[in-house]
Amino acid sequence: MDIHDEMHEHSLAEDLVAMLNLNSDRRQTLRWLLAGASTLPMMGCGGGSDSASGTTSTTSAATTTPPTTTTTTTTTTTTTTPTVGSCSVIPEETGGPYPADGTNSTSAGVVNVLNQSGVVRSDIRSSFGSASGTAAGVSLTIKLQFVNANNNCAALSGAAVYLWHCDRDGNYSLYSSGVTTQNYLRGVQETDSSGNITFTTIYPGCYSGRVPHVHFEVYPSLAKATTASSRIKTSQFTFPVATSNDVYATTGYSASVRNLAAISFATDNVFSDGYALQMATITGNATDGYVATLTVAVSA
């Protein structure tokens, strides 16, 4: 047996008796023992002893340390690396055959309301300029907020948005028979400092082959919103079927009832590939009117 084994062959009780038999003052010894008792486990954890107690203490320390480290790391990650600036760009969609943005023409020639005085307006229910007439239907307020996906989804201020849709009979002003002299349900708005715009309009009807929807184009500014070549996004948004059914149960939308029953999002030629980013949130009712809200992310 080597000297290390001899030094540790006594039990703890024997060591305490020996210590109490020292010639020093017993009160001082007791004080020392009481003060030092709390440090005894630490001596076992920190030492390099080959005894069973030393091995057990070392193992316990190794087992306790990893959870503490893991907890600290997780907390730090959550605090210092938050998710910011995350938004998905709304899909690019067709402007359809009735844009009136200078890209096509009718029998009367090229149709472009963007360069006409009076098109910049919030209430689009009535025709403007030399045209007259007001679209009838259930009241709808459209509130859109535009954000810039290229700038951490910050508000897109100072952009211009041209919006248009059909009337309750499914007709588009300037194009459809009976409303070629009207230019209602078309208008341009400039986004404010928070990227917001508001249009006052009527709930669009449902014509054959399409679910109810609204078209819009985004331009860098009002100054550039005069020709379609300057647009940075063309898209559409839609509404919940339950809301459309409620609206179409009111007077004037009878044709929409039949057309909506014959179409679905799965068979719509625009929304059949998905519409999660294009579904407006609706509040209100058919009597008091509805409010449709949607946040639109574009790359500007």
Protein backbone atom coordinates (compact mmCIF):
# COMPACT_ATOMS: atom_id res chain seq x y z
CA MET A 1 0.00 0.00 0.00
CA ASP A 2 1.45 3.37 -1.03
CA ILE A 3 1.37 6.57 1.03
CA HIS A 4 -1.78 7.86 -0.78
CA ASP A 5 -3.77 4.78 0.28
CA GLU A 6 -2.54 5.08 3.86
CA MET A 7 -3.64 8.71 3.98
CA HIS A 8 -7.20 7.81 2.99
CA GLU A 9 -7.81 4.47 4.75
CA HIS A 10 -9.49 6.10 7.81
CA SER A 11 -13.14 6.82 7.86
CA LEU A 12 -14.51 10.35 8.10
CA ALA A 13 -15.66 9.69 11.69
CA GLU A 14 -12.18 8.67 12.74
CA ASP A 15 -10.73 11.79 11.18
CA LEU A 16 -13.19 13.96 13.08
CA VAL A 17 -12.31 12.34 16.40
CA ALA A 18 -8.64 12.88 15.73
CA MET A 19 -9.27 16.49 14.93
CA LEU A 20 -11.23 16.97 18.16
CA ASN A 21 -8.34 15.51 20.11
CA LEU A 22 -6.01 18.19 18.90
CA ASN A 23 -4.47 20.39 21.57
CA SER A 24 -5.99 23.54 20.11
CA ASP A 25 -9.03 25.12 21.62
CA ARG A 26 -12.09 22.88 21.04
CA ARG A 27 -14.41 25.86 20.45
CA GLN A 28 -12.12 27.09 17.73
CA THR A 29 -12.08 23.62 16.25
CA LEU A 30 -15.86 23.43 16.24
CA ARG A 31 -16.05 26.83 14.56
CA TRP A 32 -13.62 25.57 11.95
CA LEU A 33 -15.62 22.41 11.38
CA LEU A 34 -18.89 24.27 11.01
CA ALA A 35 -17.37 26.77 8.62
CA GLY A 36 -15.60 24.09 6.68
CA ALA A 37 -18.48 21.60 6.49
CA SER A 38 -20.00 23.44 3.57
CA THR A 39 -16.75 23.16 1.65
CA LEU A 40 -16.31 19.42 2.04
CA PRO A 41 -18.50 18.45 -0.96
CA MET A 42 -16.61 20.96 -3.10
CA MET A 43 -13.35 19.34 -2.14
CA GLY A 44 -14.70 16.02 -3.40
CA CYS A 45 -16.00 17.57 -6.72
CA GLY A 46 -12.87 19.48 -7.53
CA GLY A 47 -10.24 16.95 -6.55
CA GLY A 48 -8.54 14.29 -8.62
CA SER A 49 -9.07 11.49 -6.08
CA ASP A 50 -9.31 7.87 -7.26
CA SER A 51 -11.63 6.99 -4.34
CA ALA A 52 -15.23 6.02 -5.05
CA SER A 53 -16.55 9.23 -3.54
CA GLY A 54 -14.20 11.30 -5.69
CA THR A 55 -15.25 9.47 -8.83
CA THR A 56 -18.94 9.84 -8.07
CA SER A 57 -18.62 13.55 -7.39
CA THR A 58 -16.72 14.15 -10.61
CA THR A 59 -19.34 12.26 -12.61
CA SER A 60 -22.13 14.25 -10.99
CA ALA A 61 -20.46 17.53 -11.94
CA ALA A 62 -20.06 16.41 -15.53
CA THR A 63 -23.73 15.43 -15.69
CA THR A 64 -24.97 18.72 -14.24
CA THR A 65 -22.93 21.09 -16.42
CA PRO A 66 -24.36 20.38 -19.94
CA PRO A 67 -28.00 21.29 -19.13
CA THR A 68 -26.84 24.59 -17.65
CA THR A 69 -24.82 25.35 -20.79
CA THR A 70 -27.68 24.35 -23.09
CA THR A 71 -30.15 26.60 -21.28
CA THR A 72 -27.82 29.57 -21.47
CA THR A 73 -27.20 29.05 -25.19
CA THR A 74 -30.88 28.78 -26.00
CA THR A 75 -31.72 31.96 -24.13
CA THR A 76 -28.93 33.87 -25.84
CA THR A 77 -30.01 32.72 -29.29
CA THR A 78 -33.61 33.73 -28.72
CA THR A 79 -32.63 37.15 -27.43
CA THR A 80 -29.93 38.12 -29.92
CA THR A 81 -31.24 36.66 -33.19
CA PRO A 82 -34.96 37.49 -33.53
CA THR A 83 -36.73 36.91 -36.84
CA VAL A 84 -37.32 40.23 -38.59
CA GLY A 85 -38.25 41.44 -42.04
CA SER A 86 -40.03 38.27 -43.13
CA CYS A 87 -42.76 38.55 -45.77
CA SER A 88 -43.73 36.78 -48.97
CA VAL A 89 -44.20 38.69 -52.22
CA ILE A 90 -47.72 38.48 -53.61
CA PRO A 91 -47.83 36.45 -56.84
CA GLU A 92 -47.68 38.18 -60.20
CA GLU A 93 -51.00 37.78 -62.00
CA THR A 94 -52.54 38.78 -65.28
CA GLY A 95 -54.16 42.17 -65.60
CA GLY A 96 -56.87 40.51 -67.66
CA PRO A 97 -58.50 41.89 -70.80
CA TYR A 98 -59.97 45.02 -69.17
CA PRO A 99 -57.08 46.96 -67.58
CA ALA A 100 -57.61 50.38 -69.24
CA ASP A 101 -53.93 51.12 -68.56
CA GLY A 102 -52.89 51.75 -72.16
CA THR A 103 -51.93 48.15 -72.93
CA ASN A 104 -54.94 47.35 -75.13
CA SER A 105 -57.73 48.99 -77.05
CA THR A 106 -61.42 48.80 -77.86
CA SER A 107 -63.32 49.80 -80.96
CA ALA A 108 -62.87 53.38 -79.73
CA GLY A 109 -59.09 53.07 -79.66
CA VAL A 110 -56.44 52.67 -76.94
CA VAL A 111 -57.94 52.82 -73.48
CA ASN A 112 -55.89 54.48 -70.74
CA VAL A 113 -57.49 56.07 -67.69
CA LEU A 114 -54.12 56.58 -65.99
CA ASN A 115 -53.42 59.78 -67.90
CA GLN A 116 -56.88 61.21 -67.33
CA SER A 117 -57.61 63.95 -64.83
CA GLY A 118 -59.70 62.74 -61.91
CA VAL A 119 -58.47 59.14 -61.81
CA VAL A 120 -56.56 59.79 -58.56
CA ARG A 121 -59.34 59.34 -56.03
CA SER A 122 -60.46 57.21 -53.10
CA ASP A 123 -64.17 56.80 -53.88
CA ILE A 124 -64.39 54.92 -57.17
CA ARG A 125 -68.13 54.16 -57.24
CA SER A 126 -68.90 56.94 -59.73
CA SER A 127 -67.47 57.72 -63.13
CA PHE A 128 -65.19 60.75 -63.45
CA GLY A 129 -64.29 63.37 -66.04
CA SER A 130 -66.88 63.74 -68.76
CA ALA A 131 -68.47 60.39 -67.91
CA SER A 132 -71.38 60.07 -65.51
CA GLY A 133 -73.02 57.23 -63.68
CA THR A 134 -72.60 55.38 -60.39
CA ALA A 135 -72.16 51.66 -59.84
CA ALA A 136 -74.84 50.14 -57.60
CA GLY A 137 -74.13 47.38 -55.09
CA VAL A 138 -73.29 46.46 -51.52
CA SER A 139 -70.83 48.94 -50.01
CA LEU A 140 -67.21 47.78 -49.74
CA THR A 141 -64.23 49.59 -48.25
CA ILE A 142 -60.87 48.23 -49.38
CA LYS A 143 -57.90 48.85 -47.10
CA LEU A 144 -54.52 47.70 -48.38
CA GLN A 145 -51.10 48.06 -46.79
CA PHE A 146 -48.07 47.73 -49.03
CA VAL A 147 -44.66 46.67 -47.75
CA ASN A 148 -41.31 46.38 -49.50
CA ALA A 149 -39.83 42.87 -49.42
CA ASN A 150 -36.49 44.32 -50.55
CA ASN A 151 -36.33 46.54 -47.46
CA ASN A 152 -37.04 44.16 -44.57
CA CYS A 153 -40.75 44.47 -45.30
CA ALA A 154 -40.83 48.11 -44.29
CA ALA A 155 -43.84 50.21 -45.26
CA LEU A 156 -43.85 51.14 -48.96
CA SER A 157 -44.67 54.83 -48.89
CA GLY A 158 -45.14 57.12 -51.87
CA ALA A 159 -46.07 54.33 -54.28
CA ALA A 160 -49.11 54.55 -56.55
CA VAL A 161 -51.73 51.82 -56.77
CA TYR A 162 -54.19 51.55 -59.65
CA LEU A 163 -57.20 49.38 -58.73
CA TRP A 164 -60.15 48.18 -60.79
CA HIS A 165 -62.89 45.52 -60.79
CA CYS A 166 -66.23 44.63 -62.37
CA ASP A 167 -69.63 45.90 -61.26
CA ARG A 168 -72.34 43.79 -59.61
CA ASP A 169 -73.47 42.52 -63.03
CA GLY A 170 -69.96 41.32 -63.83
CA ASN A 171 -69.30 44.10 -66.36
CA TYR A 172 -66.15 46.20 -66.70
CA SER A 173 -66.51 49.88 -67.44
CA LEU A 174 -65.10 51.07 -70.80
CA TYR A 175 -65.23 47.53 -72.21
CA SER A 176 -68.46 45.64 -71.52
CA SER A 177 -71.63 46.22 -73.48
CA GLY A 178 -73.82 48.86 -71.87
CA VAL A 179 -71.02 50.47 -69.81
CA THR A 180 -68.52 51.51 -72.49
CA THR A 181 -69.18 55.16 -71.68
CA GLN A 182 -68.58 54.63 -67.96
CA ASN A 183 -65.20 54.60 -66.19
CA TYR A 184 -66.40 53.81 -62.68
CA LEU A 185 -64.78 51.25 -60.35
CA ARG A 186 -61.32 52.43 -61.40
CA GLY A 187 -58.99 54.67 -59.43
CA VAL A 188 -55.47 55.46 -58.29
CA GLN A 189 -54.23 56.14 -54.77
CA GLU A 190 -50.82 57.04 -53.31
CA THR A 191 -49.66 55.04 -50.30
CA ASP A 192 -49.10 57.05 -47.12
CA SER A 193 -46.09 56.90 -44.78
CA SER A 194 -47.36 53.57 -43.44
CA GLY A 195 -47.93 52.10 -46.89
CA ASN A 196 -51.72 52.33 -46.58
CA ILE A 197 -54.40 53.14 -49.15
CA THR A 198 -58.20 53.08 -48.93
CA PHE A 199 -60.80 52.74 -51.67
CA THR A 200 -64.55 53.11 -51.29
CA THR A 201 -66.35 50.92 -53.80
CA ILE A 202 -69.01 48.19 -54.18
CA TYR A 203 -68.66 44.44 -53.76
CA PRO A 204 -67.82 43.03 -57.21
CA GLY A 205 -70.08 40.53 -58.89
CA CYS A 206 -69.10 37.06 -60.06
CA TYR A 207 -69.07 36.53 -63.80
CA SER A 208 -68.81 33.19 -65.58
CA GLY A 209 -65.45 31.43 -65.23
CA ARG A 210 -63.95 33.52 -62.39
CA VAL A 211 -64.39 33.78 -58.63
CA PRO A 212 -64.97 37.34 -57.33
CA HIS A 213 -61.72 39.32 -57.48
CA VAL A 214 -60.09 42.74 -57.68
CA HIS A 215 -57.19 43.75 -59.96
CA PHE A 216 -54.41 46.15 -59.06
CA GLU A 217 -51.10 47.47 -60.37
CA VAL A 218 -48.32 49.05 -58.30
CA TYR A 219 -46.19 51.93 -59.59
CA PRO A 220 -43.08 53.54 -58.04
CA SER A 221 -44.84 56.91 -57.71
CA LEU A 222 -47.82 58.94 -58.87
CA ALA A 223 -45.63 60.64 -61.45
CA LYS A 224 -44.87 57.28 -63.05
CA ALA A 225 -48.42 55.94 -62.81
CA THR A 226 -49.39 57.13 -66.28
CA THR A 227 -48.26 54.20 -68.40
CA ALA A 228 -48.25 50.48 -67.73
CA SER A 229 -44.59 50.18 -68.72
CA SER A 230 -43.66 51.71 -65.34
CA ARG A 231 -45.57 49.23 -63.18
CA ILE A 232 -43.58 47.07 -60.74
CA LYS A 233 -46.34 44.60 -59.85
CA THR A 234 -49.64 43.37 -61.25
CA SER A 235 -51.78 41.10 -59.13
CA GLN A 236 -55.27 40.27 -57.85
CA PHE A 237 -56.96 39.49 -54.55
CA THR A 238 -60.18 37.72 -53.65
CA PHE A 239 -62.76 37.20 -50.90
CA PRO A 240 -64.08 34.36 -48.71
CA VAL A 241 -66.84 32.34 -50.36
CA ALA A 242 -69.11 32.75 -47.32
CA THR A 243 -68.98 36.54 -47.67
CA SER A 244 -69.70 36.38 -51.39
CA ASN A 245 -72.72 34.15 -50.75
CA ASP A 246 -74.09 36.66 -48.23
CA VAL A 247 -73.62 39.56 -50.64
CA TYR A 248 -75.11 37.70 -53.60
CA ALA A 249 -78.25 36.97 -51.62
CA THR A 250 -79.07 40.70 -51.82
CA THR A 251 -80.90 42.53 -54.61
CA GLY A 252 -79.05 42.95 -57.91
CA TYR A 253 -76.60 40.05 -57.63
CA SER A 254 -78.80 37.20 -58.91
CA ALA A 255 -76.48 36.40 -61.85
CA SER A 256 -73.56 36.11 -59.42
CA VAL A 257 -75.37 33.41 -57.44
CA ARG A 258 -75.41 31.09 -60.47
CA ASN A 259 -71.89 31.93 -61.58
CA LEU A 260 -70.34 31.42 -58.13
CA ALA A 261 -72.06 28.05 -57.78
CA ALA A 262 -70.34 26.91 -60.98
CA ILE A 263 -66.76 27.91 -60.02
CA SER A 264 -64.33 27.32 -57.16
CA PHE A 265 -60.82 28.38 -56.20
CA ALA A 266 -59.59 24.99 -57.40
CA THR A 267 -60.95 25.60 -60.90
CA ASP A 268 -60.30 29.34 -61.12
CA ASN A 269 -57.58 30.01 -63.70
CA VAL A 270 -55.78 32.51 -61.44
CA PHE A 271 -56.18 31.19 -57.89
CA SER A 272 -56.07 27.46 -58.59
CA ASP A 273 -52.33 27.42 -57.79
CA GLY A 274 -52.86 29.05 -54.39
CA TYR A 275 -54.33 32.21 -52.90
CA ALA A 276 -53.05 32.36 -49.31
CA LEU A 277 -51.38 35.73 -49.96
CA GLN A 278 -54.37 37.02 -51.91
CA MET A 279 -57.29 36.34 -49.58
CA ALA A 280 -58.64 39.52 -48.05
CA THR A 281 -59.90 39.58 -44.46
CA ILE A 282 -63.54 40.69 -44.34
CA THR A 283 -65.58 42.32 -41.59
CA GLY A 284 -69.08 43.79 -41.69
CA ASN A 285 -72.37 42.69 -43.18
CA ALA A 286 -74.49 43.10 -46.29
CA THR A 287 -76.67 45.79 -44.71
CA ASP A 288 -74.00 48.11 -43.32
CA GLY A 289 -71.31 47.23 -45.82
CA TYR A 290 -68.02 45.37 -45.63
CA VAL A 291 -64.39 46.23 -45.00
CA ALA A 292 -61.71 44.19 -46.77
CA THR A 293 -58.12 44.36 -45.52
CA LEU A 294 -54.94 42.85 -46.92
CA THR A 295 -51.21 43.36 -46.50
CA VAL A 296 -49.40 43.18 -49.83
CA ALA A 297 -45.66 42.60 -50.11
CA VAL A 298 -43.92 43.66 -53.32
CA SER A 299 -40.29 43.94 -54.41
CA ALA A 300 -39.72 47.64 -54.92
